Amino acid sequence: METLRSVYIALAVLGLGATLVDLFGAFGHASARDRTRLAASLVSLLRTVAHFALGAGCAGLAALLMGRGAGSSLAWAFGAGAAIALVARLLRGSLRRDLDSSFSPEDFILEEATVVVPIAPGLMGKAEVRKYGAASSIYARAEDPAQAFERGAKVRIIDYRDGSYLVEPADEEHLVH
């Protein structure tokens, strides 16, 4: 039993230490796109192991302190470790999705934009659109290939095709505010 208690204490200390180090940013906060896929998978695995160790160590030690036998404490340790690791992984995935501030192409449809690089007839230019307080530069071309827009012109984004947005002159009557 003394060996099992030492293992639980080591797991709890390891799990708590690794979790605290992770909270203070030692594992990095760069997105998976900024790292190699292997490194991102390794960091994810280390986090899962740390959370499992934290749950297993604390639950196993608590079971021993309540007078449970070795088999019972191992069952508690494994169950709690797996549950903590699963919950932590689900929360991390949920938070990552909720904090994603990138826009999809559909987010700009019917928004007003300002031309920053002139759009010549049949050619592509650039426009700046503001959404939720953030400015984004987008590639734009006129819906009517014969139409042109000078720098500073107000346009309405009406569609997204082939990697660029189609725009038309901004008409205050039809803009969504």
N, C-alpha and C. Protein backbone atom coordinates (compact mmCIF):
# COMPACT_ATOMS: atom_id res chain seq x y z
N MET A 1 0.82 -1.21 0.00
CA MET A 1 0.00 0.00 0.00
C MET A 1 0.86 1.27 0.00
N GLU A 2 2.01 1.19 0.66
CA GLU A 2 2.89 2.35 0.72
C GLU A 2 3.40 2.71 -0.67
N THR A 3 3.69 1.70 -1.49
CA THR A 3 4.15 1.94 -2.86
C THR A 3 3.05 2.58 -3.69
N LEU A 4 1.83 2.10 -3.53
CA LEU A 4 0.70 2.65 -4.25
C LEU A 4 0.45 4.10 -3.85
N ARG A 5 0.58 4.39 -2.57
CA ARG A 5 0.41 5.77 -2.09
C ARG A 5 1.48 6.67 -2.71
N SER A 6 2.70 6.19 -2.79
CA SER A 6 3.79 6.97 -3.40
C SER A 6 3.52 7.23 -4.89
N VAL A 7 2.98 6.22 -5.57
CA VAL A 7 2.65 6.38 -6.99
C VAL A 7 1.56 7.44 -7.15
N TYR A 8 0.52 7.39 -6.32
CA TYR A 8 -0.56 8.38 -6.40
C TYR A 8 -0.05 9.79 -6.11
N ILE A 9 0.81 9.92 -5.12
CA ILE A 9 1.37 11.24 -4.81
C ILE A 9 2.20 11.74 -5.99
N ALA A 10 3.01 10.87 -6.57
CA ALA A 10 3.82 11.27 -7.72
C ALA A 10 2.94 11.68 -8.90
N LEU A 11 1.88 10.92 -9.16
CA LEU A 11 0.96 11.27 -10.25
C LEU A 11 0.30 12.62 -10.01
N ALA A 12 -0.16 12.84 -8.78
CA ALA A 12 -0.83 14.10 -8.45
C ALA A 12 0.13 15.28 -8.61
N VAL A 13 1.35 15.13 -8.11
CA VAL A 13 2.34 16.21 -8.21
C VAL A 13 2.71 16.45 -9.67
N LEU A 14 2.95 15.38 -10.41
CA LEU A 14 3.28 15.50 -11.83
C LEU A 14 2.14 16.17 -12.60
N GLY A 15 0.92 15.71 -12.38
CA GLY A 15 -0.24 16.28 -13.07
C GLY A 15 -0.47 17.74 -12.73
N LEU A 16 -0.38 18.06 -11.43
CA LEU A 16 -0.58 19.45 -11.01
C LEU A 16 0.53 20.33 -11.56
N GLY A 17 1.76 19.86 -11.47
CA GLY A 17 2.88 20.66 -11.98
C GLY A 17 2.77 20.91 -13.47
N ALA A 18 2.48 19.87 -14.24
CA ALA A 18 2.36 20.02 -15.69
C ALA A 18 1.19 20.92 -16.07
N THR A 19 0.09 20.81 -15.33
CA THR A 19 -1.07 21.66 -15.61
C THR A 19 -0.75 23.12 -15.31
N LEU A 20 -0.07 23.39 -14.21
CA LEU A 20 0.32 24.77 -13.89
C LEU A 20 1.31 25.33 -14.91
N VAL A 21 2.26 24.52 -15.32
CA VAL A 21 3.21 24.96 -16.34
C VAL A 21 2.48 25.27 -17.64
N ASP A 22 1.51 24.45 -17.99
CA ASP A 22 0.71 24.68 -19.20
C ASP A 22 -0.10 25.97 -19.08
N LEU A 23 -0.68 26.21 -17.92
CA LEU A 23 -1.46 27.44 -17.73
C LEU A 23 -0.62 28.69 -17.89
N PHE A 24 0.65 28.60 -17.51
CA PHE A 24 1.52 29.76 -17.63
C PHE A 24 2.20 29.85 -18.99
N GLY A 25 1.80 29.00 -19.93
CA GLY A 25 2.22 29.14 -21.32
C GLY A 25 3.46 28.39 -21.75
N ALA A 26 3.95 27.46 -20.97
CA ALA A 26 5.17 26.75 -21.36
C ALA A 26 4.97 25.89 -22.59
N PHE A 27 3.76 25.38 -22.81
CA PHE A 27 3.51 24.55 -23.98
C PHE A 27 3.19 25.40 -25.20
N GLY A 28 3.12 26.69 -25.03
CA GLY A 28 2.88 27.60 -26.15
C GLY A 28 1.40 27.71 -26.48
N HIS A 29 1.05 28.85 -27.06
CA HIS A 29 -0.34 29.09 -27.42
C HIS A 29 -0.51 29.29 -28.91
N ALA A 30 0.51 28.95 -29.69
CA ALA A 30 0.37 29.08 -31.14
C ALA A 30 -0.64 28.07 -31.64
N SER A 31 -1.32 28.44 -32.68
CA SER A 31 -2.31 27.52 -33.23
C SER A 31 -1.62 26.35 -33.90
N ALA A 32 -2.41 25.30 -34.14
CA ALA A 32 -1.85 24.10 -34.78
C ALA A 32 -1.33 24.42 -36.18
N ARG A 33 -1.86 25.46 -36.81
CA ARG A 33 -1.38 25.84 -38.14
C ARG A 33 0.05 26.36 -38.08
N ASP A 34 0.43 26.94 -36.92
CA ASP A 34 1.76 27.52 -36.79
C ASP A 34 2.82 26.49 -36.41
N ARG A 35 2.42 25.30 -36.06
CA ARG A 35 3.36 24.25 -35.67
C ARG A 35 3.20 23.09 -36.63
N THR A 36 4.16 22.19 -36.56
CA THR A 36 4.00 20.99 -37.37
C THR A 36 2.91 20.13 -36.76
N ARG A 37 2.32 19.29 -37.55
CA ARG A 37 1.23 18.43 -37.08
C ARG A 37 1.73 17.49 -35.99
N LEU A 38 2.95 16.98 -36.12
CA LEU A 38 3.51 16.07 -35.12
C LEU A 38 3.71 16.78 -33.78
N ALA A 39 4.24 17.99 -33.81
CA ALA A 39 4.46 18.74 -32.57
C ALA A 39 3.12 19.06 -31.90
N ALA A 40 2.12 19.44 -32.69
CA ALA A 40 0.81 19.75 -32.12
C ALA A 40 0.20 18.50 -31.49
N SER A 41 0.37 17.34 -32.14
CA SER A 41 -0.16 16.10 -31.58
C SER A 41 0.57 15.72 -30.29
N LEU A 42 1.86 15.94 -30.26
CA LEU A 42 2.65 15.62 -29.07
C LEU A 42 2.24 16.49 -27.89
N VAL A 43 2.06 17.78 -28.11
CA VAL A 43 1.64 18.68 -27.04
C VAL A 43 0.24 18.29 -26.55
N SER A 44 -0.64 17.94 -27.46
CA SER A 44 -1.99 17.51 -27.08
C SER A 44 -1.93 16.24 -26.23
N LEU A 45 -1.08 15.29 -26.61
CA LEU A 45 -0.92 14.06 -25.85
C LEU A 45 -0.36 14.35 -24.46
N LEU A 46 0.64 15.23 -24.38
CA LEU A 46 1.22 15.58 -23.07
C LEU A 46 0.18 16.22 -22.15
N ARG A 47 -0.65 17.07 -22.71
CA ARG A 47 -1.71 17.70 -21.91
C ARG A 47 -2.68 16.64 -21.39
N THR A 48 -3.07 15.72 -22.25
CA THR A 48 -4.00 14.66 -21.85
C THR A 48 -3.39 13.79 -20.75
N VAL A 49 -2.12 13.43 -20.89
CA VAL A 49 -1.44 12.62 -19.87
C VAL A 49 -1.35 13.38 -18.56
N ALA A 50 -1.05 14.68 -18.61
CA ALA A 50 -0.97 15.49 -17.39
C ALA A 50 -2.32 15.55 -16.68
N HIS A 51 -3.38 15.74 -17.44
CA HIS A 51 -4.71 15.79 -16.81
C HIS A 51 -5.12 14.44 -16.24
N PHE A 52 -4.78 13.36 -16.96
CA PHE A 52 -5.05 12.02 -16.45
C PHE A 52 -4.30 11.80 -15.15
N ALA A 53 -3.02 12.16 -15.12
CA ALA A 53 -2.20 11.97 -13.92
C ALA A 53 -2.77 12.76 -12.74
N LEU A 54 -3.20 13.97 -12.99
CA LEU A 54 -3.78 14.79 -11.92
C LEU A 54 -5.03 14.12 -11.34
N GLY A 55 -5.93 13.70 -12.21
CA GLY A 55 -7.16 13.06 -11.74
C GLY A 55 -6.90 11.72 -11.07
N ALA A 56 -6.04 10.91 -11.66
CA ALA A 56 -5.76 9.57 -11.12
C ALA A 56 -5.03 9.67 -9.79
N GLY A 57 -4.06 10.54 -9.70
CA GLY A 57 -3.30 10.68 -8.46
C GLY A 57 -4.17 11.13 -7.29
N CYS A 58 -4.95 12.16 -7.53
CA CYS A 58 -5.81 12.69 -6.45
C CYS A 58 -6.89 11.69 -6.05
N ALA A 59 -7.55 11.07 -7.01
CA ALA A 59 -8.63 10.13 -6.70
C ALA A 59 -8.08 8.87 -6.04
N GLY A 60 -6.96 8.35 -6.53
CA GLY A 60 -6.37 7.16 -5.92
C GLY A 60 -5.91 7.42 -4.50
N LEU A 61 -5.29 8.57 -4.27
CA LEU A 61 -4.85 8.92 -2.92
C LEU A 61 -6.05 9.10 -1.98
N ALA A 62 -7.10 9.73 -2.49
CA ALA A 62 -8.31 9.91 -1.67
C ALA A 62 -8.92 8.55 -1.33
N ALA A 63 -8.95 7.62 -2.28
CA ALA A 63 -9.50 6.29 -2.03
C ALA A 63 -8.69 5.57 -0.95
N LEU A 64 -7.37 5.67 -1.03
CA LEU A 64 -6.54 5.04 0.00
C LEU A 64 -6.77 5.66 1.37
N LEU A 65 -6.89 6.97 1.41
CA LEU A 65 -7.10 7.65 2.69
C LEU A 65 -8.46 7.32 3.30
N MET A 66 -9.43 6.92 2.46
CA MET A 66 -10.76 6.54 2.96
C MET A 66 -10.80 5.05 3.32
N GLY A 67 -9.66 4.37 3.24
CA GLY A 67 -9.59 3.00 3.66
C GLY A 67 -9.95 1.98 2.60
N ARG A 68 -10.02 2.36 1.35
CA ARG A 68 -10.32 1.42 0.27
C ARG A 68 -9.10 0.54 0.03
N GLY A 69 -9.32 -0.60 -0.53
CA GLY A 69 -8.23 -1.51 -0.84
C GLY A 69 -7.50 -1.09 -2.11
N ALA A 70 -6.44 -1.83 -2.43
CA ALA A 70 -5.62 -1.50 -3.60
C ALA A 70 -6.43 -1.57 -4.89
N GLY A 71 -7.21 -2.62 -5.08
CA GLY A 71 -8.01 -2.78 -6.30
C GLY A 71 -9.04 -1.67 -6.45
N SER A 72 -9.71 -1.35 -5.37
CA SER A 72 -10.71 -0.29 -5.40
C SER A 72 -10.08 1.07 -5.67
N SER A 73 -8.94 1.34 -5.05
CA SER A 73 -8.28 2.63 -5.28
C SER A 73 -7.78 2.74 -6.72
N LEU A 74 -7.31 1.64 -7.30
CA LEU A 74 -6.88 1.66 -8.70
C LEU A 74 -8.06 1.94 -9.63
N ALA A 75 -9.21 1.33 -9.31
CA ALA A 75 -10.41 1.58 -10.13
C ALA A 75 -10.82 3.05 -10.05
N TRP A 76 -10.82 3.61 -8.82
CA TRP A 76 -11.14 5.03 -8.65
C TRP A 76 -10.13 5.91 -9.39
N ALA A 77 -8.87 5.56 -9.27
CA ALA A 77 -7.82 6.36 -9.91
C ALA A 77 -7.98 6.35 -11.44
N PHE A 78 -8.16 5.15 -12.00
CA PHE A 78 -8.30 5.06 -13.45
C PHE A 78 -9.56 5.78 -13.94
N GLY A 79 -10.67 5.58 -13.25
CA GLY A 79 -11.93 6.22 -13.65
C GLY A 79 -11.85 7.74 -13.58
N ALA A 80 -11.32 8.25 -12.46
CA ALA A 80 -11.22 9.70 -12.31
C ALA A 80 -10.21 10.29 -13.30
N GLY A 81 -9.10 9.61 -13.50
CA GLY A 81 -8.10 10.10 -14.44
C GLY A 81 -8.67 10.20 -15.85
N ALA A 82 -9.38 9.15 -16.27
CA ALA A 82 -9.98 9.15 -17.60
C ALA A 82 -11.04 10.24 -17.73
N ALA A 83 -11.85 10.40 -16.69
CA ALA A 83 -12.91 11.42 -16.74
C ALA A 83 -12.31 12.83 -16.81
N ILE A 84 -11.31 13.11 -15.99
CA ILE A 84 -10.67 14.44 -15.99
C ILE A 84 -10.00 14.71 -17.34
N ALA A 85 -9.31 13.72 -17.88
CA ALA A 85 -8.64 13.89 -19.17
C ALA A 85 -9.66 14.16 -20.28
N LEU A 86 -10.77 13.43 -20.26
CA LEU A 86 -11.81 13.61 -21.28
C LEU A 86 -12.45 14.99 -21.17
N VAL A 87 -12.81 15.39 -19.96
CA VAL A 87 -13.44 16.71 -19.77
C VAL A 87 -12.48 17.83 -20.17
N ALA A 88 -11.23 17.72 -19.79
CA ALA A 88 -10.25 18.75 -20.15
C ALA A 88 -10.08 18.85 -21.66
N ARG A 89 -10.04 17.70 -22.32
CA ARG A 89 -9.89 17.69 -23.79
C ARG A 89 -11.11 18.31 -24.47
N LEU A 90 -12.30 17.98 -23.98
CA LEU A 90 -13.52 18.55 -24.56
C LEU A 90 -13.57 20.06 -24.33
N LEU A 91 -13.22 20.51 -23.13
CA LEU A 91 -13.22 21.94 -22.84
C LEU A 91 -12.20 22.68 -23.71
N ARG A 92 -11.03 22.12 -23.86
CA ARG A 92 -9.99 22.77 -24.68
C ARG A 92 -10.47 22.89 -26.13
N GLY A 93 -11.07 21.84 -26.65
CA GLY A 93 -11.59 21.89 -28.02
C GLY A 93 -12.70 22.90 -28.17
N SER A 94 -13.58 22.96 -27.19
CA SER A 94 -14.69 23.91 -27.22
C SER A 94 -14.19 25.34 -27.15
N LEU A 95 -13.25 25.61 -26.27
CA LEU A 95 -12.70 26.96 -26.14
C LEU A 95 -11.95 27.37 -27.39
N ARG A 96 -11.24 26.45 -28.00
CA ARG A 96 -10.49 26.77 -29.21
C ARG A 96 -11.45 27.20 -30.31
N ARG A 97 -12.58 26.51 -30.44
CA ARG A 97 -13.56 26.89 -31.47
C ARG A 97 -14.22 28.21 -31.13
N ASP A 98 -14.56 28.43 -29.85
CA ASP A 98 -15.24 29.65 -29.46
C ASP A 98 -14.35 30.88 -29.60
N LEU A 99 -13.04 30.72 -29.47
CA LEU A 99 -12.14 31.84 -29.53
C LEU A 99 -11.60 32.11 -30.93
N ASP A 100 -12.01 31.31 -31.90
CA ASP A 100 -11.55 31.50 -33.27
C ASP A 100 -12.16 32.78 -33.82
N SER A 101 -11.30 33.74 -34.16
CA SER A 101 -11.80 35.03 -34.63
C SER A 101 -11.69 35.18 -36.14
N SER A 102 -11.42 34.11 -36.84
CA SER A 102 -11.33 34.22 -38.28
C SER A 102 -12.72 34.27 -38.90
N PHE A 103 -12.80 34.89 -40.05
CA PHE A 103 -14.07 35.05 -40.75
C PHE A 103 -14.16 34.05 -41.89
N SER A 104 -15.36 33.60 -42.17
CA SER A 104 -15.58 32.78 -43.36
C SER A 104 -16.02 33.73 -44.47
N PRO A 105 -15.87 33.32 -45.72
CA PRO A 105 -16.24 34.21 -46.82
C PRO A 105 -17.69 34.73 -46.73
N GLU A 106 -18.60 33.91 -46.23
CA GLU A 106 -20.00 34.30 -46.15
C GLU A 106 -20.25 35.42 -45.14
N ASP A 107 -19.33 35.62 -44.21
CA ASP A 107 -19.51 36.63 -43.17
C ASP A 107 -19.56 38.05 -43.73
N PHE A 108 -18.98 38.27 -44.90
CA PHE A 108 -18.92 39.62 -45.46
C PHE A 108 -20.02 39.93 -46.47
N ILE A 109 -20.80 38.95 -46.83
CA ILE A 109 -21.85 39.17 -47.83
C ILE A 109 -22.83 40.23 -47.31
N LEU A 110 -23.17 41.18 -48.17
CA LEU A 110 -24.07 42.32 -47.91
C LEU A 110 -23.48 43.37 -46.99
N GLU A 111 -22.19 43.30 -46.72
CA GLU A 111 -21.53 44.34 -45.93
C GLU A 111 -21.01 45.44 -46.85
N GLU A 112 -20.85 46.63 -46.30
CA GLU A 112 -20.27 47.74 -47.06
C GLU A 112 -18.75 47.69 -46.91
N ALA A 113 -18.05 48.01 -47.97
CA ALA A 113 -16.59 48.03 -47.96
C ALA A 113 -16.11 49.30 -48.65
N THR A 114 -14.85 49.65 -48.40
CA THR A 114 -14.22 50.79 -49.05
C THR A 114 -13.10 50.28 -49.94
N VAL A 115 -13.09 50.72 -51.18
CA VAL A 115 -12.07 50.28 -52.13
C VAL A 115 -10.73 50.91 -51.72
N VAL A 116 -9.69 50.08 -51.57
CA VAL A 116 -8.36 50.58 -51.21
C VAL A 116 -7.37 50.43 -52.36
N VAL A 117 -7.59 49.48 -53.25
CA VAL A 117 -6.82 49.35 -54.49
C VAL A 117 -7.86 49.39 -55.61
N PRO A 118 -7.77 50.36 -56.51
CA PRO A 118 -8.81 50.54 -57.53
C PRO A 118 -9.15 49.24 -58.26
N ILE A 119 -10.43 49.12 -58.57
CA ILE A 119 -10.94 47.96 -59.31
C ILE A 119 -11.19 48.43 -60.74
N ALA A 120 -10.35 47.97 -61.66
CA ALA A 120 -10.50 48.35 -63.07
C ALA A 120 -11.50 47.41 -63.74
N PRO A 121 -12.08 47.81 -64.86
CA PRO A 121 -13.06 46.95 -65.54
C PRO A 121 -12.48 45.56 -65.83
N GLY A 122 -13.16 44.54 -65.36
CA GLY A 122 -12.76 43.16 -65.60
C GLY A 122 -11.57 42.68 -64.77
N LEU A 123 -11.02 43.55 -63.92
CA LEU A 123 -9.85 43.18 -63.12
C LEU A 123 -10.17 43.18 -61.62
N MET A 124 -9.22 42.69 -60.86
CA MET A 124 -9.40 42.59 -59.43
C MET A 124 -8.69 43.74 -58.72
N GLY A 125 -9.27 44.18 -57.63
CA GLY A 125 -8.67 45.18 -56.77
C GLY A 125 -8.80 44.72 -55.33
N LYS A 126 -8.70 45.67 -54.42
CA LYS A 126 -8.84 45.31 -53.00
C LYS A 126 -9.80 46.29 -52.34
N ALA A 127 -10.52 45.75 -51.33
CA ALA A 127 -11.43 46.58 -50.55
C ALA A 127 -11.21 46.24 -49.08
N GLU A 128 -11.57 47.16 -48.24
CA GLU A 128 -11.47 46.95 -46.79
C GLU A 128 -12.87 46.93 -46.21
N VAL A 129 -13.15 45.88 -45.44
CA VAL A 129 -14.46 45.74 -44.82
C VAL A 129 -14.25 45.66 -43.31
N ARG A 130 -15.13 46.33 -42.57
CA ARG A 130 -15.07 46.29 -41.11
C ARG A 130 -16.20 45.42 -40.59
N LYS A 131 -15.82 44.50 -39.71
CA LYS A 131 -16.82 43.59 -39.13
C LYS A 131 -16.41 43.37 -37.68
N TYR A 132 -17.33 43.58 -36.77
CA TYR A 132 -17.09 43.40 -35.33
C TYR A 132 -15.87 44.19 -34.86
N GLY A 133 -15.67 45.37 -35.43
CA GLY A 133 -14.57 46.23 -35.01
C GLY A 133 -13.23 45.90 -35.64
N ALA A 134 -13.16 44.85 -36.46
CA ALA A 134 -11.90 44.48 -37.10
C ALA A 134 -11.97 44.80 -38.58
N ALA A 135 -10.88 45.32 -39.11
CA ALA A 135 -10.81 45.63 -40.55
C ALA A 135 -10.12 44.48 -41.26
N SER A 136 -10.70 44.06 -42.37
CA SER A 136 -10.12 42.99 -43.19
C SER A 136 -10.00 43.45 -44.63
N SER A 137 -8.85 43.18 -45.23
CA SER A 137 -8.67 43.46 -46.65
C SER A 137 -9.10 42.25 -47.44
N ILE A 138 -9.86 42.50 -48.49
CA ILE A 138 -10.37 41.41 -49.31
C ILE A 138 -10.09 41.72 -50.78
N TYR A 139 -9.93 40.67 -51.57
CA TYR A 139 -9.82 40.84 -53.02
C TYR A 139 -11.23 40.99 -53.56
N ALA A 140 -11.40 41.97 -54.44
CA ALA A 140 -12.74 42.25 -54.96
C ALA A 140 -12.67 42.57 -56.44
N ARG A 141 -13.76 42.24 -57.12
CA ARG A 141 -13.95 42.63 -58.52
C ARG A 141 -15.41 43.02 -58.70
N ALA A 142 -15.66 43.84 -59.70
CA ALA A 142 -17.01 44.33 -59.94
C ALA A 142 -17.89 43.20 -60.48
N GLU A 143 -19.14 43.19 -60.03
CA GLU A 143 -20.09 42.19 -60.56
C GLU A 143 -20.28 42.41 -62.06
N ASP A 144 -20.39 43.67 -62.43
CA ASP A 144 -20.49 44.02 -63.85
C ASP A 144 -19.06 44.23 -64.36
N PRO A 145 -18.57 43.34 -65.24
CA PRO A 145 -17.18 43.43 -65.70
C PRO A 145 -16.81 44.75 -66.38
N ALA A 146 -17.79 45.52 -66.78
CA ALA A 146 -17.50 46.80 -67.44
C ALA A 146 -17.36 47.93 -66.42
N GLN A 147 -17.68 47.67 -65.18
CA GLN A 147 -17.68 48.72 -64.16
C GLN A 147 -16.32 48.83 -63.48
N ALA A 148 -15.98 50.06 -63.05
CA ALA A 148 -14.74 50.32 -62.33
C ALA A 148 -15.05 51.07 -61.04
N PHE A 149 -14.18 50.93 -60.04
CA PHE A 149 -14.33 51.65 -58.78
C PHE A 149 -12.98 52.27 -58.42
N GLU A 150 -13.03 53.56 -58.11
CA GLU A 150 -11.83 54.28 -57.70
C GLU A 150 -11.54 54.03 -56.23
N ARG A 151 -10.30 54.34 -55.84
CA ARG A 151 -9.93 54.24 -54.43
C ARG A 151 -10.83 55.14 -53.60
N GLY A 152 -11.34 54.61 -52.47
CA GLY A 152 -12.23 55.37 -51.60
C GLY A 152 -13.71 55.16 -51.90
N ALA A 153 -14.03 54.52 -53.01
CA ALA A 153 -15.43 54.29 -53.36
C ALA A 153 -16.07 53.31 -52.38
N LYS A 154 -17.33 53.54 -52.07
CA LYS A 154 -18.08 52.64 -51.19
C LYS A 154 -18.77 51.59 -52.06
N VAL A 155 -18.59 50.33 -51.69
CA VAL A 155 -19.19 49.23 -52.44
C VAL A 155 -19.91 48.30 -51.46
N ARG A 156 -20.82 47.52 -52.03
CA ARG A 156 -21.50 46.49 -51.25
C ARG A 156 -21.03 45.14 -51.76
N ILE A 157 -20.68 44.25 -50.84
CA ILE A 157 -20.22 42.90 -51.19
C ILE A 157 -21.46 42.04 -51.42
N ILE A 158 -21.54 41.41 -52.60
CA ILE A 158 -22.76 40.65 -52.89
C ILE A 158 -22.54 39.15 -53.08
N ASP A 159 -21.28 38.72 -53.32
CA ASP A 159 -21.05 37.29 -53.51
C ASP A 159 -19.57 36.99 -53.35
N TYR A 160 -19.26 35.72 -53.22
CA TYR A 160 -17.87 35.25 -53.14
C TYR A 160 -17.70 34.13 -54.15
N ARG A 161 -16.83 34.34 -55.13
CA ARG A 161 -16.59 33.33 -56.16
C ARG A 161 -15.12 33.31 -56.55
N ASP A 162 -14.59 32.13 -56.73
CA ASP A 162 -13.22 31.95 -57.24
C ASP A 162 -12.18 32.74 -56.46
N GLY A 163 -12.31 32.78 -55.16
CA GLY A 163 -11.29 33.41 -54.32
C GLY A 163 -11.38 34.92 -54.19
N SER A 164 -12.43 35.53 -54.74
CA SER A 164 -12.59 36.98 -54.58
C SER A 164 -14.07 37.31 -54.42
N TYR A 165 -14.31 38.50 -53.91
CA TYR A 165 -15.68 38.95 -53.68
C TYR A 165 -16.17 39.77 -54.86
N LEU A 166 -17.45 39.63 -55.16
CA LEU A 166 -18.08 40.46 -56.18
C LEU A 166 -18.73 41.63 -55.47
N VAL A 167 -18.53 42.83 -56.03
CA VAL A 167 -19.07 44.04 -55.40
C VAL A 167 -19.89 44.83 -56.41
N GLU A 168 -20.75 45.67 -55.86
CA GLU A 168 -21.53 46.61 -56.66
C GLU A 168 -21.52 47.93 -55.93
N PRO A 169 -21.95 49.01 -56.56
CA PRO A 169 -21.95 50.30 -55.86
C PRO A 169 -22.83 50.23 -54.61
N ALA A 170 -22.36 50.86 -53.56
CA ALA A 170 -23.13 50.87 -52.31
C ALA A 170 -24.34 51.76 -52.48
N ASP A 171 -25.48 51.24 -52.16
CA ASP A 171 -26.73 51.96 -52.24
C ASP A 171 -27.30 51.95 -50.83
N GLU A 172 -27.31 53.10 -50.17
CA GLU A 172 -27.72 53.17 -48.76
C GLU A 172 -29.07 52.48 -48.51
N GLU A 173 -29.93 52.50 -49.49
CA GLU A 173 -31.26 51.92 -49.33
C GLU A 173 -31.20 50.41 -49.11
N HIS A 174 -30.20 49.74 -49.66
CA HIS A 174 -30.13 48.29 -49.59
C HIS A 174 -29.05 47.75 -48.65
N LEU A 175 -28.31 48.63 -47.97
CA LEU A 175 -27.25 48.15 -47.07
C LEU A 175 -27.83 47.59 -45.79
N VAL A 176 -27.19 46.56 -45.28
CA VAL A 176 -27.57 45.99 -43.98
C VAL A 176 -26.70 46.65 -42.92
N HIS A 177 -27.31 47.26 -41.93
CA HIS A 177 -26.53 47.93 -40.85
C HIS A 177 -26.64 47.17 -39.58
